Amino acid sequence: MFEAIPNLDNPEKEEYAGAFVTCWVNSIDLNSALSKAKGFINDEGWEVIRIEEQFIAKREWYEKDDAKIESLKCFDEAVLYGVAAIFYTFPYDD
């Protein structure tokens, strides 16, 4: 999980102050996974400002909990395509 802010050319920068990004990466090691995740997030128009949490995920964690169906879909997408993410955006404070 990462904290990110919109890049200057991101059209969402007017609406969102930032996002927490949960990212799944199919990789051989954590360093490679971090690099791929940061690249993916940047390609989506966001700049990583902090790593919140990192661990090696297991499919079983998501299979048994219906509340984690979206996470299971992302896990499977990362297995197939290399990377997947969910952006949890938050607005500017008033």
C-alpha atoms as a PDB file:
ATOM      1  CA  MET A   1       0.000   0.000   0.000  1.00  0.00           C
ATOM      2  CA  PHE A   2       1.231   3.444  -0.958  1.00  0.00           C
ATOM      3  CA  GLU A   3       0.258   7.039  -0.369  1.00  0.00           C
ATOM      4  CA  ALA A   4       0.322   9.101  -3.555  1.00  0.00           C
ATOM      5  CA  ILE A   5      -0.444  12.589  -4.802  1.00  0.00           C
ATOM      6  CA  PRO A   6      -1.647  13.509  -8.286  1.00  0.00           C
ATOM      7  CA  ASN A   7       1.000  14.488 -10.818  1.00  0.00           C
ATOM      8  CA  LEU A   8       0.799  18.047 -12.166  1.00  0.00           C
ATOM      9  CA  ASP A   9      -0.617  16.768 -15.464  1.00  0.00           C
ATOM     10  CA  ASN A  10      -3.212  14.544 -13.768  1.00  0.00           C
ATOM     11  CA  PRO A  11      -6.703  15.924 -14.471  1.00  0.00           C
ATOM     12  CA  GLU A  12      -7.850  14.570 -11.086  1.00  0.00           C
ATOM     13  CA  LYS A  13      -5.497  16.966  -9.248  1.00  0.00           C
ATOM     14  CA  GLU A  14      -8.248  19.591  -8.983  1.00  0.00           C
ATOM     15  CA  GLU A  15     -10.573  17.177  -7.178  1.00  0.00           C
ATOM     16  CA  TYR A  16      -8.273  14.918  -5.140  1.00  0.00           C
ATOM     17  CA  ALA A  17      -5.494  15.803  -2.720  1.00  0.00           C
ATOM     18  CA  GLY A  18      -4.176  12.273  -2.756  1.00  0.00           C
ATOM     19  CA  ALA A  19      -4.849   8.575  -2.666  1.00  0.00           C
ATOM     20  CA  PHE A  20      -3.969   5.430  -0.849  1.00  0.00           C
ATOM     21  CA  VAL A  21      -3.123   2.822  -3.448  1.00  0.00           C
ATOM     22  CA  THR A  22      -3.324  -0.877  -2.790  1.00  0.00           C
ATOM     23  CA  CYS A  23      -1.195  -2.589  -5.394  1.00  0.00           C
ATOM     24  CA  TRP A  24      -0.592  -6.248  -6.247  1.00  0.00           C
ATOM     25  CA  VAL A  25       2.473  -7.187  -8.285  1.00  0.00           C
ATOM     26  CA  ASN A  26       3.565 -10.509  -9.720  1.00  0.00           C
ATOM     27  CA  SER A  27       7.307 -10.379  -9.145  1.00  0.00           C
ATOM     28  CA  ILE A  28      10.293 -12.463  -8.124  1.00  0.00           C
ATOM     29  CA  ASP A  29      11.327 -10.196  -5.225  1.00  0.00           C
ATOM     30  CA  LEU A  30      10.165  -7.204  -3.159  1.00  0.00           C
ATOM     31  CA  ASN A  31      12.547  -4.682  -4.746  1.00  0.00           C
ATOM     32  CA  SER A  32      11.339  -5.532  -8.231  1.00  0.00           C
ATOM     33  CA  ALA A  33       7.727  -5.455  -7.018  1.00  0.00           C
ATOM     34  CA  LEU A  34       8.204  -1.982  -5.501  1.00  0.00           C
ATOM     35  CA  SER A  35       9.719  -0.692  -8.719  1.00  0.00           C
ATOM     36  CA  LYS A  36       6.901  -2.118 -10.842  1.00  0.00           C
ATOM     37  CA  ALA A  37       4.236  -0.789  -8.478  1.00  0.00           C
ATOM     38  CA  LYS A  38       5.711   2.718  -8.417  1.00  0.00           C
ATOM     39  CA  GLY A  39       5.987   2.692 -12.218  1.00  0.00           C
ATOM     40  CA  PHE A  40       2.369   1.595 -12.589  1.00  0.00           C
ATOM     41  CA  ILE A  41       1.124   4.229 -10.145  1.00  0.00           C
ATOM     42  CA  ASN A  42       3.142   6.917 -11.937  1.00  0.00           C
ATOM     43  CA  ASP A  43       1.782   5.791 -15.316  1.00  0.00           C
ATOM     44  CA  GLU A  44      -1.716   6.286 -13.880  1.00  0.00           C
ATOM     45  CA  GLY A  45      -0.875   9.934 -13.102  1.00  0.00           C
ATOM     46  CA  TRP A  46       0.164   9.696  -9.459  1.00  0.00           C
ATOM     47  CA  GLU A  47       3.422  10.199  -7.548  1.00  0.00           C
ATOM     48  CA  VAL A  48       4.226   7.856  -4.678  1.00  0.00           C
ATOM     49  CA  ILE A  49       5.160   9.856  -1.591  1.00  0.00           C
ATOM     50  CA  ARG A  50       5.253   7.070   0.973  1.00  0.00           C
ATOM     51  CA  ILE A  51       5.202   3.306   1.269  1.00  0.00           C
ATOM     52  CA  GLU A  52       2.556   2.485   3.858  1.00  0.00           C
ATOM     53  CA  GLU A  53       2.875  -1.288   3.962  1.00  0.00           C
ATOM     54  CA  GLN A  54       4.418  -4.136   1.981  1.00  0.00           C
ATOM     55  CA  PHE A  55       4.158  -7.899   2.198  1.00  0.00           C
ATOM     56  CA  ILE A  56       3.908 -11.005   0.070  1.00  0.00           C
ATOM     57  CA  ALA A  57       0.208 -11.694  -0.475  1.00  0.00           C
ATOM     58  CA  LYS A  58      -1.372 -15.103  -0.712  1.00  0.00           C
ATOM     59  CA  ARG A  59      -4.527 -15.855  -2.671  1.00  0.00           C
ATOM     60  CA  GLU A  60      -6.018 -17.802   0.260  1.00  0.00           C
ATOM     61  CA  TRP A  61      -6.275 -14.567   2.279  1.00  0.00           C
ATOM     62  CA  TYR A  62      -8.914 -13.258  -0.118  1.00  0.00           C
ATOM     63  CA  GLU A  63     -10.731 -16.462  -1.062  1.00  0.00           C
ATOM     64  CA  LYS A  64     -12.498 -17.007   2.243  1.00  0.00           C
ATOM     65  CA  ASP A  65     -13.851 -13.500   2.793  1.00  0.00           C
ATOM     66  CA  ASP A  66     -16.667 -12.163   0.594  1.00  0.00           C
ATOM     67  CA  ALA A  67     -15.769  -8.612   1.671  1.00  0.00           C
ATOM     68  CA  LYS A  68     -12.412  -9.034  -0.084  1.00  0.00           C
ATOM     69  CA  ILE A  69     -13.801  -9.994  -3.515  1.00  0.00           C
ATOM     70  CA  GLU A  70     -12.356  -6.826  -5.106  1.00  0.00           C
ATOM     71  CA  SER A  71      -8.937  -7.659  -3.648  1.00  0.00           C
ATOM     72  CA  LEU A  72      -9.203 -11.216  -4.972  1.00  0.00           C
ATOM     73  CA  LYS A  73      -9.951  -9.865  -8.454  1.00  0.00           C
ATOM     74  CA  CYS A  74      -6.873  -7.617  -8.257  1.00  0.00           C
ATOM     75  CA  PHE A  75      -4.712 -10.465  -6.994  1.00  0.00           C
ATOM     76  CA  ASP A  76      -5.791 -12.602  -9.963  1.00  0.00           C
ATOM     77  CA  GLU A  77      -5.313  -9.698 -12.379  1.00  0.00           C
ATOM     78  CA  ALA A  78      -1.760  -9.206 -11.124  1.00  0.00           C
ATOM     79  CA  VAL A  79      -1.040 -12.903 -11.633  1.00  0.00           C
ATOM     80  CA  LEU A  80      -2.232 -12.627 -15.242  1.00  0.00           C
ATOM     81  CA  TYR A  81      -0.970  -9.176 -16.227  1.00  0.00           C
ATOM     82  CA  GLY A  82       1.822  -8.440 -13.751  1.00  0.00           C
ATOM     83  CA  VAL A  83       0.230  -5.613 -11.763  1.00  0.00           C
ATOM     84  CA  ALA A  84      -3.156  -4.384 -10.511  1.00  0.00           C
ATOM     85  CA  ALA A  85      -4.224  -1.632  -8.132  1.00  0.00           C
ATOM     86  CA  ILE A  86      -7.103   0.048  -6.353  1.00  0.00           C
ATOM     87  CA  PHE A  87      -6.920   3.822  -5.828  1.00  0.00           C
ATOM     88  CA  TYR A  88      -8.702   5.080  -2.711  1.00  0.00           C
ATOM     89  CA  THR A  89      -8.775   8.822  -3.370  1.00  0.00           C
ATOM     90  CA  PHE A  90      -9.425  11.556  -0.846  1.00  0.00           C
ATOM     91  CA  PRO A  91     -10.416  15.224  -1.406  1.00  0.00           C
ATOM     92  CA  TYR A  92      -8.757  18.390  -0.220  1.00  0.00           C
ATOM     93  CA  ASP A  93      -9.695  19.541   3.270  1.00  0.00           C
ATOM     94  CA  ASP A  94     -12.121  22.446   3.297  1.00  0.00           C
END
